Amino acid sequence: MLELIADGHSNDAIAHDLEVSVKTVRNYVSRIFAKLRVAERGQAAFYARKAGLGP
């Protein structure tokens, strides 16, 4: 899911791609942000790219 965030996908697009509800995606995104200690998608994408995920 972090790779999809790094690729710039919205929560709706991620939910569609993974065939889960948008609420499930929001919950996972919140958990990812908490674990990375970030507040926004851009920061999470930065860490994802630094780890070799995304474009």
N, C-alpha and C. Protein backbone atom coordinates (compact mmCIF):
# COMPACT_ATOMS: atom_id res chain seq x y z
N MET A 1 0.82 -1.18 0.00
CA MET A 1 0.00 0.00 0.00
C MET A 1 0.87 1.26 0.00
N LEU A 2 1.98 1.20 0.70
CA LEU A 2 2.88 2.36 0.73
C LEU A 2 3.41 2.67 -0.67
N GLU A 3 3.65 1.63 -1.45
CA GLU A 3 4.12 1.86 -2.82
C GLU A 3 3.05 2.56 -3.65
N LEU A 4 1.79 2.21 -3.45
CA LEU A 4 0.70 2.88 -4.18
C LEU A 4 0.59 4.35 -3.75
N ILE A 5 0.81 4.62 -2.47
CA ILE A 5 0.81 6.00 -2.00
C ILE A 5 1.96 6.76 -2.67
N ALA A 6 3.13 6.13 -2.72
CA ALA A 6 4.30 6.76 -3.34
C ALA A 6 4.08 7.00 -4.82
N ASP A 7 3.28 6.15 -5.46
CA ASP A 7 2.97 6.33 -6.88
C ASP A 7 1.94 7.42 -7.12
N GLY A 8 1.37 7.97 -6.04
CA GLY A 8 0.43 9.08 -6.17
C GLY A 8 -1.03 8.68 -6.25
N HIS A 9 -1.34 7.43 -5.91
CA HIS A 9 -2.72 6.97 -5.97
C HIS A 9 -3.53 7.54 -4.81
N SER A 10 -4.78 7.85 -5.06
CA SER A 10 -5.69 8.31 -4.02
C SER A 10 -6.20 7.12 -3.22
N ASN A 11 -6.84 7.40 -2.08
CA ASN A 11 -7.42 6.32 -1.29
C ASN A 11 -8.48 5.57 -2.10
N ASP A 12 -9.28 6.29 -2.88
CA ASP A 12 -10.31 5.65 -3.71
C ASP A 12 -9.67 4.71 -4.73
N ALA A 13 -8.60 5.15 -5.37
CA ALA A 13 -7.93 4.32 -6.38
C ALA A 13 -7.29 3.10 -5.73
N ILE A 14 -6.69 3.28 -4.56
CA ILE A 14 -6.08 2.15 -3.86
C ILE A 14 -7.15 1.13 -3.48
N ALA A 15 -8.27 1.62 -2.96
CA ALA A 15 -9.37 0.72 -2.58
C ALA A 15 -9.86 -0.07 -3.78
N HIS A 16 -9.98 0.59 -4.92
CA HIS A 16 -10.43 -0.09 -6.14
C HIS A 16 -9.42 -1.13 -6.58
N ASP A 17 -8.14 -0.76 -6.58
CA ASP A 17 -7.08 -1.69 -7.02
C ASP A 17 -6.97 -2.92 -6.13
N LEU A 18 -7.12 -2.72 -4.81
CA LEU A 18 -6.96 -3.81 -3.86
C LEU A 18 -8.27 -4.51 -3.52
N GLU A 19 -9.36 -3.98 -4.08
CA GLU A 19 -10.70 -4.53 -3.85
C GLU A 19 -11.05 -4.59 -2.37
N VAL A 20 -10.82 -3.47 -1.69
CA VAL A 20 -11.22 -3.30 -0.29
C VAL A 20 -11.97 -1.98 -0.18
N SER A 21 -12.57 -1.74 0.98
CA SER A 21 -13.32 -0.50 1.16
C SER A 21 -12.38 0.68 1.36
N VAL A 22 -12.88 1.87 1.07
CA VAL A 22 -12.11 3.09 1.26
C VAL A 22 -11.78 3.26 2.75
N LYS A 23 -12.71 2.87 3.61
CA LYS A 23 -12.46 2.96 5.05
C LYS A 23 -11.27 2.10 5.47
N THR A 24 -11.16 0.92 4.90
CA THR A 24 -10.03 0.04 5.19
C THR A 24 -8.72 0.71 4.76
N VAL A 25 -8.73 1.32 3.59
CA VAL A 25 -7.53 2.02 3.10
C VAL A 25 -7.18 3.16 4.04
N ARG A 26 -8.18 3.95 4.45
CA ARG A 26 -7.92 5.06 5.37
C ARG A 26 -7.29 4.56 6.67
N ASN A 27 -7.80 3.44 7.18
CA ASN A 27 -7.24 2.88 8.41
C ASN A 27 -5.78 2.46 8.22
N TYR A 28 -5.50 1.78 7.13
CA TYR A 28 -4.13 1.35 6.86
C TYR A 28 -3.20 2.55 6.65
N VAL A 29 -3.68 3.55 5.92
CA VAL A 29 -2.87 4.74 5.67
C VAL A 29 -2.56 5.43 7.00
N SER A 30 -3.54 5.53 7.87
CA SER A 30 -3.31 6.14 9.19
C SER A 30 -2.27 5.37 9.97
N ARG A 31 -2.33 4.04 9.93
CA ARG A 31 -1.35 3.22 10.64
C ARG A 31 0.05 3.39 10.05
N ILE A 32 0.13 3.45 8.72
CA ILE A 32 1.41 3.65 8.06
C ILE A 32 2.00 4.99 8.46
N PHE A 33 1.17 6.05 8.44
CA PHE A 33 1.65 7.38 8.82
C PHE A 33 2.15 7.38 10.27
N ALA A 34 1.43 6.70 11.15
CA ALA A 34 1.84 6.65 12.56
C ALA A 34 3.17 5.93 12.71
N LYS A 35 3.34 4.82 12.00
CA LYS A 35 4.59 4.06 12.11
C LYS A 35 5.78 4.83 11.53
N LEU A 36 5.52 5.58 10.47
CA LEU A 36 6.59 6.38 9.86
C LEU A 36 6.77 7.72 10.57
N ARG A 37 5.83 8.05 11.46
CA ARG A 37 5.82 9.35 12.16
C ARG A 37 5.80 10.51 11.19
N VAL A 38 4.84 10.43 10.25
CA VAL A 38 4.63 11.50 9.28
C VAL A 38 3.16 11.95 9.36
N ALA A 39 2.88 13.11 8.78
CA ALA A 39 1.53 13.67 8.86
C ALA A 39 0.84 13.76 7.50
N GLU A 40 1.59 13.55 6.43
CA GLU A 40 0.97 13.70 5.11
C GLU A 40 1.55 12.73 4.10
N ARG A 41 0.84 12.60 2.98
CA ARG A 41 1.21 11.64 1.93
C ARG A 41 2.58 11.93 1.33
N GLY A 42 2.90 13.18 1.16
CA GLY A 42 4.19 13.55 0.57
C GLY A 42 5.36 13.05 1.38
N GLN A 43 5.24 13.16 2.69
CA GLN A 43 6.31 12.67 3.57
C GLN A 43 6.40 11.15 3.50
N ALA A 44 5.26 10.48 3.49
CA ALA A 44 5.24 9.02 3.39
C ALA A 44 5.84 8.58 2.06
N ALA A 45 5.51 9.29 0.99
CA ALA A 45 6.06 8.97 -0.33
C ALA A 45 7.58 9.15 -0.34
N PHE A 46 8.06 10.18 0.33
CA PHE A 46 9.50 10.42 0.42
C PHE A 46 10.20 9.22 1.06
N TYR A 47 9.66 8.74 2.19
CA TYR A 47 10.26 7.58 2.87
C TYR A 47 10.15 6.33 2.01
N ALA A 48 9.05 6.19 1.30
CA ALA A 48 8.88 5.02 0.43
C ALA A 48 9.92 5.02 -0.67
N ARG A 49 10.12 6.17 -1.30
CA ARG A 49 11.12 6.25 -2.38
C ARG A 49 12.52 6.01 -1.83
N LYS A 50 12.78 6.53 -0.63
CA LYS A 50 14.08 6.34 0.00
C LYS A 50 14.34 4.84 0.26
N ALA A 51 13.26 4.09 0.49
CA ALA A 51 13.38 2.66 0.74
C ALA A 51 13.34 1.84 -0.56
N GLY A 52 13.23 2.52 -1.70
CA GLY A 52 13.26 1.83 -2.98
C GLY A 52 11.89 1.52 -3.55
N LEU A 53 10.83 2.07 -2.97
CA LEU A 53 9.47 1.85 -3.50
C LEU A 53 9.06 3.04 -4.36
N GLY A 54 8.10 2.81 -5.23
CA GLY A 54 7.58 3.89 -6.06
C GLY A 54 8.51 4.25 -7.20
N PRO A 55 8.14 5.32 -7.92
CA PRO A 55 8.93 5.72 -9.09
C PRO A 55 10.27 6.34 -8.75
